[in-house]
Amino acid sequence: MRKRCLDSVFELAKADQRVIFIGSDLGPGVLDAMKKEIPERFYMEGVSEQHIIGMAAGLAMEGFIPYVNTIATFITRRCYEQVALDLCLQDLPVRLIANGGGAVYAQLGPTHLAVEDFAIIRALPNMAIVAPCDAEEMQRFMATTRDWPHPIYIRLGKGGDKVVSRAEHGFQIGKAIPLREPGSGLFITTGITAQ
């Protein structure tokens, strides 16, 4: 899912000179093709999450559409004030791409557990929160991000997930996509009967 998301950023950047990528201490190989083909719109800023939010806000004020990518806890908890003041209160079109939502990075310890990211980001004005369910839905969603006039928090799961979405459903920010008819849920019981 992450690769599909970042590949989509590169495709958007090739089609629109306003699109910029800003990464924070991501491993080698992340968007190497974009770095090579359009280096003037590729930034890898190291461990400086508060800085990249301010940088993205400044670029957005100049008419760019920044896509910022790092680990979910670092882009939410570590720089919450910058996200609130610099992006949301200014209502800027910055896209926050959060790797490892939930307990994906649990093996790295509590600093990497993004279990409250939805709760804290949801409290901010003007922010859309999106969590595509698979790589196919991610690609459909990413195509809609360029023209959204507000900030977006994009939560990435682990990736490699089974594709359960359908192309005919498309993707529209703010619209739910039911995967089954209401009332057709799966019920799990313990096998204990009431007396």
N, C-alpha and C. Protein backbone atom coordinates (compact mmCIF):
# COMPACT_ATOMS: atom_id res chain seq x y z
N MET A 1 0.82 -1.19 0.00
CA MET A 1 0.00 0.00 0.00
C MET A 1 0.87 1.27 0.00
N ARG A 2 1.94 1.27 0.79
CA ARG A 2 2.81 2.44 0.85
C ARG A 2 3.45 2.70 -0.51
N LYS A 3 3.94 1.65 -1.15
CA LYS A 3 4.57 1.82 -2.46
C LYS A 3 3.58 2.39 -3.46
N ARG A 4 2.35 1.87 -3.47
CA ARG A 4 1.33 2.36 -4.40
C ARG A 4 1.04 3.84 -4.12
N CYS A 5 0.97 4.20 -2.85
CA CYS A 5 0.72 5.59 -2.46
C CYS A 5 1.83 6.50 -2.96
N LEU A 6 3.08 6.13 -2.68
CA LEU A 6 4.21 6.98 -3.07
C LEU A 6 4.40 7.00 -4.58
N ASP A 7 4.17 5.87 -5.24
CA ASP A 7 4.22 5.87 -6.71
C ASP A 7 3.18 6.83 -7.27
N SER A 8 2.04 6.91 -6.62
CA SER A 8 0.99 7.83 -7.05
C SER A 8 1.42 9.28 -6.87
N VAL A 9 2.16 9.57 -5.81
CA VAL A 9 2.69 10.93 -5.62
C VAL A 9 3.59 11.29 -6.79
N PHE A 10 4.45 10.36 -7.18
CA PHE A 10 5.35 10.60 -8.32
C PHE A 10 4.55 10.84 -9.60
N GLU A 11 3.51 10.05 -9.84
CA GLU A 11 2.68 10.24 -11.03
C GLU A 11 1.98 11.61 -11.00
N LEU A 12 1.49 12.00 -9.83
CA LEU A 12 0.87 13.32 -9.69
C LEU A 12 1.89 14.43 -9.95
N ALA A 13 3.11 14.23 -9.46
CA ALA A 13 4.17 15.23 -9.65
C ALA A 13 4.55 15.37 -11.12
N LYS A 14 4.54 14.26 -11.86
CA LYS A 14 4.85 14.33 -13.28
C LYS A 14 3.77 15.09 -14.05
N ALA A 15 2.54 15.02 -13.57
CA ALA A 15 1.42 15.67 -14.25
C ALA A 15 1.18 17.11 -13.79
N ASP A 16 1.71 17.48 -12.64
CA ASP A 16 1.41 18.79 -12.06
C ASP A 16 2.64 19.33 -11.34
N GLN A 17 3.16 20.43 -11.80
CA GLN A 17 4.39 21.00 -11.24
C GLN A 17 4.21 21.55 -9.83
N ARG A 18 2.99 21.61 -9.35
CA ARG A 18 2.77 22.08 -7.97
C ARG A 18 3.03 20.98 -6.94
N VAL A 19 3.05 19.72 -7.36
CA VAL A 19 3.19 18.60 -6.43
C VAL A 19 4.65 18.44 -6.00
N ILE A 20 4.84 18.39 -4.68
CA ILE A 20 6.17 18.25 -4.07
C ILE A 20 6.12 17.11 -3.07
N PHE A 21 7.22 16.36 -2.95
CA PHE A 21 7.33 15.30 -1.95
C PHE A 21 8.33 15.73 -0.89
N ILE A 22 7.94 15.57 0.39
CA ILE A 22 8.83 15.84 1.51
C ILE A 22 8.82 14.62 2.42
N GLY A 23 9.98 14.01 2.61
CA GLY A 23 10.10 12.85 3.48
C GLY A 23 10.91 13.18 4.71
N SER A 24 10.72 12.39 5.76
CA SER A 24 11.44 12.58 7.00
C SER A 24 12.11 11.26 7.39
N ASP A 25 13.40 11.18 7.16
CA ASP A 25 14.21 10.04 7.59
C ASP A 25 13.66 8.71 7.09
N LEU A 26 13.31 8.64 5.82
CA LEU A 26 12.81 7.41 5.23
C LEU A 26 13.99 6.62 4.68
N GLY A 27 13.86 5.34 4.59
CA GLY A 27 14.95 4.49 4.15
C GLY A 27 15.40 4.74 2.73
N PRO A 28 16.55 4.18 2.37
CA PRO A 28 17.05 4.35 1.00
C PRO A 28 16.10 3.71 0.00
N GLY A 29 16.03 4.29 -1.17
CA GLY A 29 15.19 3.74 -2.23
C GLY A 29 13.81 4.34 -2.32
N VAL A 30 13.41 5.15 -1.33
CA VAL A 30 12.07 5.76 -1.36
C VAL A 30 12.02 6.80 -2.47
N LEU A 31 11.18 6.56 -3.43
CA LEU A 31 10.95 7.45 -4.58
C LEU A 31 12.25 7.84 -5.30
N ASP A 32 13.15 6.87 -5.47
CA ASP A 32 14.40 7.14 -6.19
C ASP A 32 14.16 7.69 -7.59
N ALA A 33 13.13 7.18 -8.28
CA ALA A 33 12.85 7.66 -9.64
C ALA A 33 12.46 9.14 -9.62
N MET A 34 11.65 9.54 -8.65
CA MET A 34 11.27 10.96 -8.55
C MET A 34 12.49 11.80 -8.21
N LYS A 35 13.30 11.33 -7.30
CA LYS A 35 14.52 12.05 -6.91
C LYS A 35 15.43 12.27 -8.12
N LYS A 36 15.49 11.29 -8.99
CA LYS A 36 16.34 11.38 -10.17
C LYS A 36 15.72 12.27 -11.26
N GLU A 37 14.41 12.09 -11.52
CA GLU A 37 13.77 12.80 -12.62
C GLU A 37 13.37 14.24 -12.30
N ILE A 38 12.91 14.48 -11.07
CA ILE A 38 12.51 15.85 -10.69
C ILE A 38 13.05 16.19 -9.30
N PRO A 39 14.37 16.27 -9.18
CA PRO A 39 14.99 16.49 -7.86
C PRO A 39 14.61 17.82 -7.20
N GLU A 40 14.20 18.79 -7.99
CA GLU A 40 13.83 20.09 -7.42
C GLU A 40 12.52 20.03 -6.65
N ARG A 41 11.79 18.91 -6.75
CA ARG A 41 10.54 18.75 -6.00
C ARG A 41 10.56 17.52 -5.10
N PHE A 42 11.75 17.06 -4.76
CA PHE A 42 11.95 15.92 -3.87
C PHE A 42 12.84 16.37 -2.72
N TYR A 43 12.34 16.23 -1.50
CA TYR A 43 13.11 16.64 -0.31
C TYR A 43 13.10 15.51 0.72
N MET A 44 14.28 15.16 1.22
CA MET A 44 14.38 14.20 2.33
C MET A 44 15.07 14.96 3.46
N GLU A 45 14.29 15.32 4.47
CA GLU A 45 14.73 16.27 5.49
C GLU A 45 15.30 15.66 6.76
N GLY A 46 15.40 14.35 6.86
CA GLY A 46 15.95 13.75 8.07
C GLY A 46 14.94 13.78 9.21
N VAL A 47 15.43 13.54 10.43
CA VAL A 47 14.56 13.49 11.61
C VAL A 47 14.25 14.93 12.03
N SER A 48 13.21 15.47 11.44
CA SER A 48 12.84 16.87 11.70
C SER A 48 11.37 17.10 11.37
N GLU A 49 10.52 16.34 12.03
CA GLU A 49 9.10 16.36 11.69
C GLU A 49 8.45 17.72 11.86
N GLN A 50 8.77 18.43 12.94
CA GLN A 50 8.17 19.76 13.12
C GLN A 50 8.58 20.67 11.97
N HIS A 51 9.84 20.57 11.58
CA HIS A 51 10.35 21.39 10.47
C HIS A 51 9.61 21.09 9.17
N ILE A 52 9.41 19.79 8.85
CA ILE A 52 8.80 19.49 7.56
C ILE A 52 7.35 19.95 7.48
N ILE A 53 6.67 20.01 8.62
CA ILE A 53 5.30 20.54 8.61
C ILE A 53 5.32 22.04 8.32
N GLY A 54 6.21 22.77 8.97
CA GLY A 54 6.35 24.20 8.69
C GLY A 54 6.79 24.44 7.25
N MET A 55 7.72 23.62 6.77
CA MET A 55 8.20 23.73 5.40
C MET A 55 7.05 23.49 4.41
N ALA A 56 6.27 22.44 4.67
CA ALA A 56 5.13 22.12 3.80
C ALA A 56 4.10 23.26 3.81
N ALA A 57 3.86 23.84 4.98
CA ALA A 57 2.91 24.95 5.08
C ALA A 57 3.39 26.13 4.24
N GLY A 58 4.67 26.47 4.37
CA GLY A 58 5.21 27.57 3.58
C GLY A 58 5.11 27.32 2.09
N LEU A 59 5.42 26.10 1.66
CA LEU A 59 5.31 25.76 0.25
C LEU A 59 3.86 25.81 -0.23
N ALA A 60 2.93 25.35 0.60
CA ALA A 60 1.51 25.41 0.24
C ALA A 60 1.05 26.86 0.10
N MET A 61 1.56 27.74 0.96
CA MET A 61 1.20 29.16 0.86
C MET A 61 1.72 29.79 -0.44
N GLU A 62 2.73 29.16 -1.02
CA GLU A 62 3.29 29.65 -2.29
C GLU A 62 2.65 28.97 -3.50
N GLY A 63 1.62 28.15 -3.26
CA GLY A 63 0.90 27.54 -4.36
C GLY A 63 1.25 26.09 -4.67
N PHE A 64 2.15 25.49 -3.89
CA PHE A 64 2.50 24.09 -4.10
C PHE A 64 1.54 23.17 -3.36
N ILE A 65 1.56 21.88 -3.73
CA ILE A 65 0.77 20.87 -3.05
C ILE A 65 1.76 19.85 -2.47
N PRO A 66 2.17 20.03 -1.22
CA PRO A 66 3.15 19.13 -0.61
C PRO A 66 2.52 17.83 -0.11
N TYR A 67 3.22 16.73 -0.37
CA TYR A 67 2.89 15.40 0.17
C TYR A 67 4.01 15.07 1.13
N VAL A 68 3.69 14.97 2.41
CA VAL A 68 4.67 14.77 3.48
C VAL A 68 4.55 13.34 3.99
N ASN A 69 5.67 12.63 4.11
CA ASN A 69 5.62 11.22 4.48
C ASN A 69 6.61 10.89 5.59
N THR A 70 6.09 10.25 6.65
CA THR A 70 6.93 9.68 7.70
C THR A 70 6.06 8.72 8.53
N ILE A 71 6.62 8.24 9.61
CA ILE A 71 5.92 7.29 10.49
C ILE A 71 4.76 8.01 11.19
N ALA A 72 3.64 7.31 11.33
CA ALA A 72 2.40 7.90 11.83
C ALA A 72 2.55 8.63 13.17
N THR A 73 3.23 8.04 14.14
CA THR A 73 3.35 8.72 15.43
C THR A 73 4.17 10.00 15.32
N PHE A 74 5.11 10.03 14.42
CA PHE A 74 5.97 11.21 14.29
C PHE A 74 5.26 12.36 13.57
N ILE A 75 4.34 12.03 12.67
CA ILE A 75 3.64 13.07 11.92
C ILE A 75 2.39 13.55 12.65
N THR A 76 2.04 12.86 13.74
CA THR A 76 0.87 13.27 14.53
C THR A 76 1.30 13.78 15.90
N ARG A 77 1.77 12.88 16.77
CA ARG A 77 2.11 13.29 18.15
C ARG A 77 3.31 14.24 18.19
N ARG A 78 4.36 13.91 17.48
CA ARG A 78 5.59 14.70 17.59
C ARG A 78 5.41 16.13 17.11
N CYS A 79 4.58 16.36 16.13
CA CYS A 79 4.44 17.73 15.60
C CYS A 79 2.97 18.17 15.55
N TYR A 80 2.23 17.77 16.57
CA TYR A 80 0.80 18.08 16.61
C TYR A 80 0.54 19.59 16.52
N GLU A 81 1.29 20.37 17.26
CA GLU A 81 1.05 21.82 17.27
C GLU A 81 1.28 22.43 15.89
N GLN A 82 2.32 21.98 15.20
CA GLN A 82 2.58 22.49 13.86
C GLN A 82 1.46 22.09 12.89
N VAL A 83 0.98 20.85 13.01
CA VAL A 83 -0.13 20.41 12.15
C VAL A 83 -1.37 21.28 12.44
N ALA A 84 -1.65 21.50 13.72
CA ALA A 84 -2.83 22.28 14.10
C ALA A 84 -2.72 23.73 13.62
N LEU A 85 -1.61 24.39 13.96
CA LEU A 85 -1.49 25.82 13.68
C LEU A 85 -1.09 26.12 12.23
N ASP A 86 -0.09 25.40 11.73
CA ASP A 86 0.45 25.72 10.41
C ASP A 86 -0.42 25.20 9.26
N LEU A 87 -1.03 24.03 9.45
CA LEU A 87 -1.80 23.44 8.35
C LEU A 87 -3.30 23.65 8.51
N CYS A 88 -3.84 23.19 9.64
CA CYS A 88 -5.30 23.16 9.78
C CYS A 88 -5.92 24.53 9.97
N LEU A 89 -5.35 25.35 10.84
CA LEU A 89 -5.94 26.67 11.03
C LEU A 89 -5.77 27.55 9.80
N GLN A 90 -4.75 27.27 9.00
CA GLN A 90 -4.55 28.01 7.75
C GLN A 90 -5.30 27.36 6.58
N ASP A 91 -5.83 26.14 6.83
CA ASP A 91 -6.58 25.37 5.83
C ASP A 91 -5.79 25.20 4.54
N LEU A 92 -4.58 24.65 4.68
CA LEU A 92 -3.68 24.51 3.54
C LEU A 92 -3.75 23.11 2.92
N PRO A 93 -3.58 23.01 1.61
CA PRO A 93 -3.67 21.72 0.92
C PRO A 93 -2.38 20.90 1.04
N VAL A 94 -2.09 20.46 2.24
CA VAL A 94 -0.93 19.60 2.50
C VAL A 94 -1.45 18.20 2.78
N ARG A 95 -0.76 17.18 2.23
CA ARG A 95 -1.17 15.80 2.41
C ARG A 95 -0.16 15.10 3.31
N LEU A 96 -0.62 14.65 4.47
CA LEU A 96 0.23 13.94 5.43
C LEU A 96 0.07 12.45 5.20
N ILE A 97 1.13 11.78 4.79
CA ILE A 97 1.11 10.35 4.54
C ILE A 97 1.77 9.66 5.72
N ALA A 98 0.98 8.94 6.50
CA ALA A 98 1.44 8.35 7.75
C ALA A 98 1.68 6.85 7.59
N ASN A 99 2.92 6.45 7.69
CA ASN A 99 3.26 5.02 7.62
C ASN A 99 2.96 4.34 8.95
N GLY A 100 2.47 3.12 8.89
CA GLY A 100 2.37 2.29 10.09
C GLY A 100 1.28 2.67 11.05
N GLY A 101 0.07 2.89 10.56
CA GLY A 101 -1.04 3.16 11.45
C GLY A 101 -1.33 1.97 12.36
N GLY A 102 -1.82 2.26 13.55
CA GLY A 102 -2.13 1.19 14.50
C GLY A 102 -0.89 0.60 15.13
N ALA A 103 -0.82 -0.71 15.16
CA ALA A 103 0.30 -1.39 15.83
C ALA A 103 1.29 -2.00 14.83
N VAL A 104 1.33 -1.49 13.60
CA VAL A 104 2.20 -2.04 12.56
C VAL A 104 3.66 -2.08 13.00
N TYR A 105 4.12 -1.02 13.64
CA TYR A 105 5.53 -0.96 14.07
C TYR A 105 5.70 -1.31 15.55
N ALA A 106 4.85 -2.15 16.09
CA ALA A 106 4.87 -2.50 17.52
C ALA A 106 6.22 -3.02 17.96
N GLN A 107 6.91 -3.75 17.11
CA GLN A 107 8.21 -4.32 17.47
C GLN A 107 9.25 -3.24 17.77
N LEU A 108 8.99 -2.00 17.36
CA LEU A 108 9.93 -0.90 17.62
C LEU A 108 9.64 -0.19 18.94
N GLY A 109 8.62 -0.62 19.64
CA GLY A 109 8.32 -0.06 20.95
C GLY A 109 7.21 0.97 20.94
N PRO A 110 6.87 1.51 22.12
CA PRO A 110 5.71 2.39 22.27
C PRO A 110 5.83 3.71 21.51
N THR A 111 7.03 4.16 21.20
CA THR A 111 7.16 5.40 20.44
C THR A 111 6.65 5.27 19.02
N HIS A 112 6.45 4.02 18.56
CA HIS A 112 6.03 3.79 17.19
C HIS A 112 4.59 3.26 17.08
N LEU A 113 3.87 3.19 18.18
CA LEU A 113 2.48 2.72 18.17
C LEU A 113 1.54 3.88 17.85
N ALA A 114 0.92 3.84 16.70
CA ALA A 114 0.01 4.91 16.29
C ALA A 114 -1.42 4.47 16.54
N VAL A 115 -1.79 4.40 17.81
CA VAL A 115 -3.13 3.95 18.15
C VAL A 115 -4.09 5.10 18.45
N GLU A 116 -3.56 6.30 18.64
CA GLU A 116 -4.42 7.45 18.92
C GLU A 116 -4.39 8.49 17.81
N ASP A 117 -3.77 8.16 16.68
CA ASP A 117 -3.62 9.15 15.61
C ASP A 117 -4.96 9.65 15.09
N PHE A 118 -5.93 8.75 14.86
CA PHE A 118 -7.24 9.19 14.39
C PHE A 118 -7.86 10.15 15.39
N ALA A 119 -7.80 9.82 16.66
CA ALA A 119 -8.45 10.64 17.68
C ALA A 119 -7.88 12.05 17.74
N ILE A 120 -6.56 12.18 17.72
CA ILE A 120 -6.00 13.52 17.85
C ILE A 120 -6.11 14.33 16.56
N ILE A 121 -5.98 13.68 15.43
CA ILE A 121 -6.09 14.41 14.16
C ILE A 121 -7.55 14.80 13.88
N ARG A 122 -8.48 13.95 14.32
CA ARG A 122 -9.90 14.24 14.11
C ARG A 122 -10.35 15.49 14.85
N ALA A 123 -9.65 15.87 15.88
CA ALA A 123 -10.01 17.05 16.66
C ALA A 123 -9.65 18.36 15.95
N LEU A 124 -8.93 18.28 14.85
CA LEU A 124 -8.46 19.48 14.16
C LEU A 124 -9.43 19.95 13.09
N PRO A 125 -9.57 21.26 12.94
CA PRO A 125 -10.48 21.77 11.91
C PRO A 125 -9.90 21.58 10.51
N ASN A 126 -10.77 21.41 9.54
CA ASN A 126 -10.44 21.36 8.11
C ASN A 126 -9.71 20.11 7.64
N MET A 127 -9.34 19.20 8.54
CA MET A 127 -8.55 18.02 8.17
C MET A 127 -9.46 16.87 7.75
N ALA A 128 -9.19 16.31 6.57
CA ALA A 128 -9.85 15.08 6.13
C ALA A 128 -8.96 13.92 6.55
N ILE A 129 -9.56 12.84 7.01
CA ILE A 129 -8.81 11.65 7.42
C ILE A 129 -9.25 10.51 6.52
N VAL A 130 -8.27 9.85 5.90
CA VAL A 130 -8.58 8.79 4.97
C VAL A 130 -7.69 7.59 5.26
N ALA A 131 -8.28 6.39 5.25
CA ALA A 131 -7.53 5.15 5.47
C ALA A 131 -7.99 4.13 4.43
N PRO A 132 -7.44 4.19 3.22
CA PRO A 132 -7.84 3.22 2.20
C PRO A 132 -7.61 1.79 2.68
N CYS A 133 -8.47 0.88 2.23
CA CYS A 133 -8.44 -0.49 2.76
C CYS A 133 -7.45 -1.40 2.03
N ASP A 134 -7.02 -1.03 0.83
CA ASP A 134 -6.07 -1.87 0.10
C ASP A 134 -5.36 -1.02 -0.95
N ALA A 135 -4.39 -1.59 -1.63
CA ALA A 135 -3.58 -0.85 -2.60
C ALA A 135 -4.40 -0.32 -3.78
N GLU A 136 -5.40 -1.08 -4.21
CA GLU A 136 -6.24 -0.64 -5.34
C GLU A 136 -7.06 0.59 -4.95
N GLU A 137 -7.64 0.56 -3.75
CA GLU A 137 -8.40 1.72 -3.29
C GLU A 137 -7.46 2.91 -3.06
N MET A 138 -6.25 2.63 -2.60
CA MET A 138 -5.26 3.69 -2.41
C MET A 138 -5.01 4.42 -3.72
N GLN A 139 -4.85 3.68 -4.78
CA GLN A 139 -4.59 4.31 -6.08
C GLN A 139 -5.77 5.16 -6.54
N ARG A 140 -6.98 4.67 -6.36
CA ARG A 140 -8.17 5.47 -6.73
C ARG A 140 -8.25 6.72 -5.86
N PHE A 141 -7.98 6.57 -4.59
CA PHE A 141 -8.02 7.73 -3.68
C PHE A 141 -6.96 8.76 -4.04
N MET A 142 -5.74 8.33 -4.28
CA MET A 142 -4.65 9.27 -4.54
C MET A 142 -4.95 10.16 -5.74
N ALA A 143 -5.67 9.65 -6.72
CA ALA A 143 -6.03 10.44 -7.89
C ALA A 143 -6.93 11.63 -7.52
N THR A 144 -7.62 11.55 -6.38
CA THR A 144 -8.52 12.62 -5.96
C THR A 144 -7.85 13.67 -5.07
N THR A 145 -6.63 13.39 -4.63
CA THR A 145 -6.00 14.26 -3.62
C THR A 145 -5.49 15.58 -4.15
N ARG A 146 -5.09 15.62 -5.39
CA ARG A 146 -4.47 16.84 -5.92
C ARG A 146 -5.41 18.04 -5.84
N ASP A 147 -6.67 17.85 -6.13
CA ASP A 147 -7.60 18.98 -6.19
C ASP A 147 -8.39 19.24 -4.91
N TRP A 148 -8.16 18.45 -3.85
CA TRP A 148 -8.84 18.68 -2.58
C TRP A 148 -8.24 19.94 -1.95
N PRO A 149 -9.05 20.94 -1.59
CA PRO A 149 -8.51 22.23 -1.16
C PRO A 149 -8.08 22.31 0.32
N HIS A 150 -8.19 21.22 1.06
CA HIS A 150 -7.92 21.22 2.50
C HIS A 150 -6.81 20.22 2.83
N PRO A 151 -6.31 20.23 4.07
CA PRO A 151 -5.32 19.22 4.45
C PRO A 151 -5.94 17.82 4.54
N ILE A 152 -5.11 16.81 4.28
CA ILE A 152 -5.56 15.42 4.34
C ILE A 152 -4.55 14.60 5.15
N TYR A 153 -5.06 13.77 6.06
CA TYR A 153 -4.25 12.79 6.78
C TYR A 153 -4.51 11.43 6.14
N ILE A 154 -3.49 10.83 5.57
CA ILE A 154 -3.61 9.55 4.88
C ILE A 154 -2.93 8.48 5.73
N ARG A 155 -3.72 7.58 6.28
CA ARG A 155 -3.17 6.55 7.16
C ARG A 155 -2.93 5.27 6.38
N LEU A 156 -1.67 4.86 6.36
CA LEU A 156 -1.29 3.64 5.65
C LEU A 156 -1.21 2.48 6.62
N GLY A 157 -1.77 1.36 6.21
CA GLY A 157 -1.63 0.13 6.98
C GLY A 157 -0.32 -0.55 6.64
N LYS A 158 -0.24 -1.81 6.95
CA LYS A 158 0.99 -2.56 6.74
C LYS A 158 1.27 -2.81 5.26
N GLY A 159 0.23 -2.97 4.48
CA GLY A 159 0.41 -3.29 3.07
C GLY A 159 0.35 -4.79 2.87
N GLY A 160 0.27 -5.20 1.61
CA GLY A 160 0.16 -6.62 1.31
C GLY A 160 -1.21 -7.18 1.64
N ASP A 161 -2.16 -6.30 1.92
CA ASP A 161 -3.50 -6.73 2.29
C ASP A 161 -4.25 -7.26 1.07
N LYS A 162 -5.14 -8.20 1.31
CA LYS A 162 -6.00 -8.73 0.26
C LYS A 162 -6.84 -7.59 -0.31
N VAL A 163 -7.01 -7.56 -1.62
CA VAL A 163 -7.83 -6.54 -2.26
C VAL A 163 -9.30 -6.89 -2.05
N VAL A 164 -10.00 -6.00 -1.36
CA VAL A 164 -11.42 -6.20 -1.09
C VAL A 164 -12.27 -5.09 -1.69
N SER A 165 -11.64 -4.01 -2.13
CA SER A 165 -12.38 -2.90 -2.73
C SER A 165 -12.69 -3.23 -4.19
N ARG A 166 -13.61 -2.43 -4.76
CA ARG A 166 -13.99 -2.65 -6.17
C ARG A 166 -13.90 -1.33 -6.93
N ALA A 167 -13.35 -1.41 -8.12
CA ALA A 167 -13.15 -0.22 -8.95
C ALA A 167 -14.46 0.53 -9.21
N GLU A 168 -15.55 -0.19 -9.36
CA GLU A 168 -16.82 0.48 -9.69
C GLU A 168 -17.31 1.39 -8.55
N HIS A 169 -16.77 1.21 -7.34
CA HIS A 169 -17.14 2.09 -6.23
C HIS A 169 -16.41 3.42 -6.28
N GLY A 170 -15.30 3.47 -7.03
CA GLY A 170 -14.53 4.71 -7.10
C GLY A 170 -14.00 5.11 -5.74
N PHE A 171 -13.81 6.40 -5.55
CA PHE A 171 -13.42 6.92 -4.24
C PHE A 171 -13.77 8.39 -4.19
N GLN A 172 -14.46 8.79 -3.14
CA GLN A 172 -14.82 10.18 -2.93
C GLN A 172 -14.56 10.51 -1.47
N ILE A 173 -13.75 11.53 -1.23
CA ILE A 173 -13.44 11.92 0.14
C ILE A 173 -14.73 12.31 0.86
N GLY A 174 -14.93 11.74 2.04
CA GLY A 174 -16.11 12.03 2.85
C GLY A 174 -17.29 11.12 2.60
N LYS A 175 -17.15 10.17 1.67
CA LYS A 175 -18.25 9.26 1.38
C LYS A 175 -17.83 7.84 1.74
N ALA A 176 -18.64 7.19 2.56
CA ALA A 176 -18.36 5.81 2.96
C ALA A 176 -18.65 4.86 1.79
N ILE A 177 -17.91 3.77 1.75
CA ILE A 177 -18.12 2.74 0.74
C ILE A 177 -18.43 1.44 1.47
N PRO A 178 -19.71 1.06 1.57
CA PRO A 178 -20.03 -0.21 2.25
C PRO A 178 -19.53 -1.39 1.43
N LEU A 179 -18.93 -2.36 2.11
CA LEU A 179 -18.41 -3.54 1.42
C LEU A 179 -19.41 -4.69 1.41
N ARG A 180 -20.48 -4.56 2.20
CA ARG A 180 -21.56 -5.55 2.15
C ARG A 180 -22.84 -4.85 2.57
N GLU A 181 -23.95 -5.47 2.25
CA GLU A 181 -25.25 -4.89 2.54
C GLU A 181 -25.46 -4.80 4.05
N PRO A 182 -26.13 -3.74 4.51
CA PRO A 182 -26.44 -3.65 5.94
C PRO A 182 -27.22 -4.88 6.41
N GLY A 183 -26.89 -5.37 7.58
CA GLY A 183 -27.57 -6.52 8.14
C GLY A 183 -26.97 -7.84 7.72
N SER A 184 -25.93 -7.81 6.89
CA SER A 184 -25.32 -9.07 6.45
C SER A 184 -23.96 -9.26 7.12
N GLY A 185 -23.84 -8.79 8.36
CA GLY A 185 -22.58 -8.90 9.08
C GLY A 185 -22.27 -10.32 9.52
N LEU A 186 -21.06 -10.53 9.90
CA LEU A 186 -20.61 -11.82 10.40
C LEU A 186 -20.74 -11.79 11.92
N PHE A 187 -21.41 -12.79 12.48
CA PHE A 187 -21.58 -12.86 13.92
C PHE A 187 -20.77 -14.04 14.45
N ILE A 188 -20.00 -13.80 15.48
CA ILE A 188 -19.18 -14.84 16.09
C ILE A 188 -19.72 -15.07 17.49
N THR A 189 -20.01 -16.31 17.82
CA THR A 189 -20.51 -16.61 19.16
C THR A 189 -19.55 -17.57 19.86
N THR A 190 -19.70 -17.66 21.15
CA THR A 190 -18.82 -18.53 21.93
C THR A 190 -19.34 -19.93 22.05
N GLY A 191 -20.53 -20.19 21.62
CA GLY A 191 -21.10 -21.52 21.73
C GLY A 191 -21.81 -21.75 23.06
N ILE A 192 -21.85 -20.72 23.92
CA ILE A 192 -22.52 -20.83 25.22
C ILE A 192 -23.96 -20.35 25.01
N THR A 193 -24.89 -21.11 25.51
CA THR A 193 -26.30 -20.71 25.38
C THR A 193 -26.79 -20.14 26.71
N ALA A 194 -27.71 -19.23 26.59
CA ALA A 194 -28.29 -18.62 27.80
C ALA A 194 -29.24 -19.61 28.45
N GLN A 195 -29.30 -19.60 29.76
CA GLN A 195 -30.16 -20.53 30.51
C GLN A 195 -31.40 -19.80 30.99
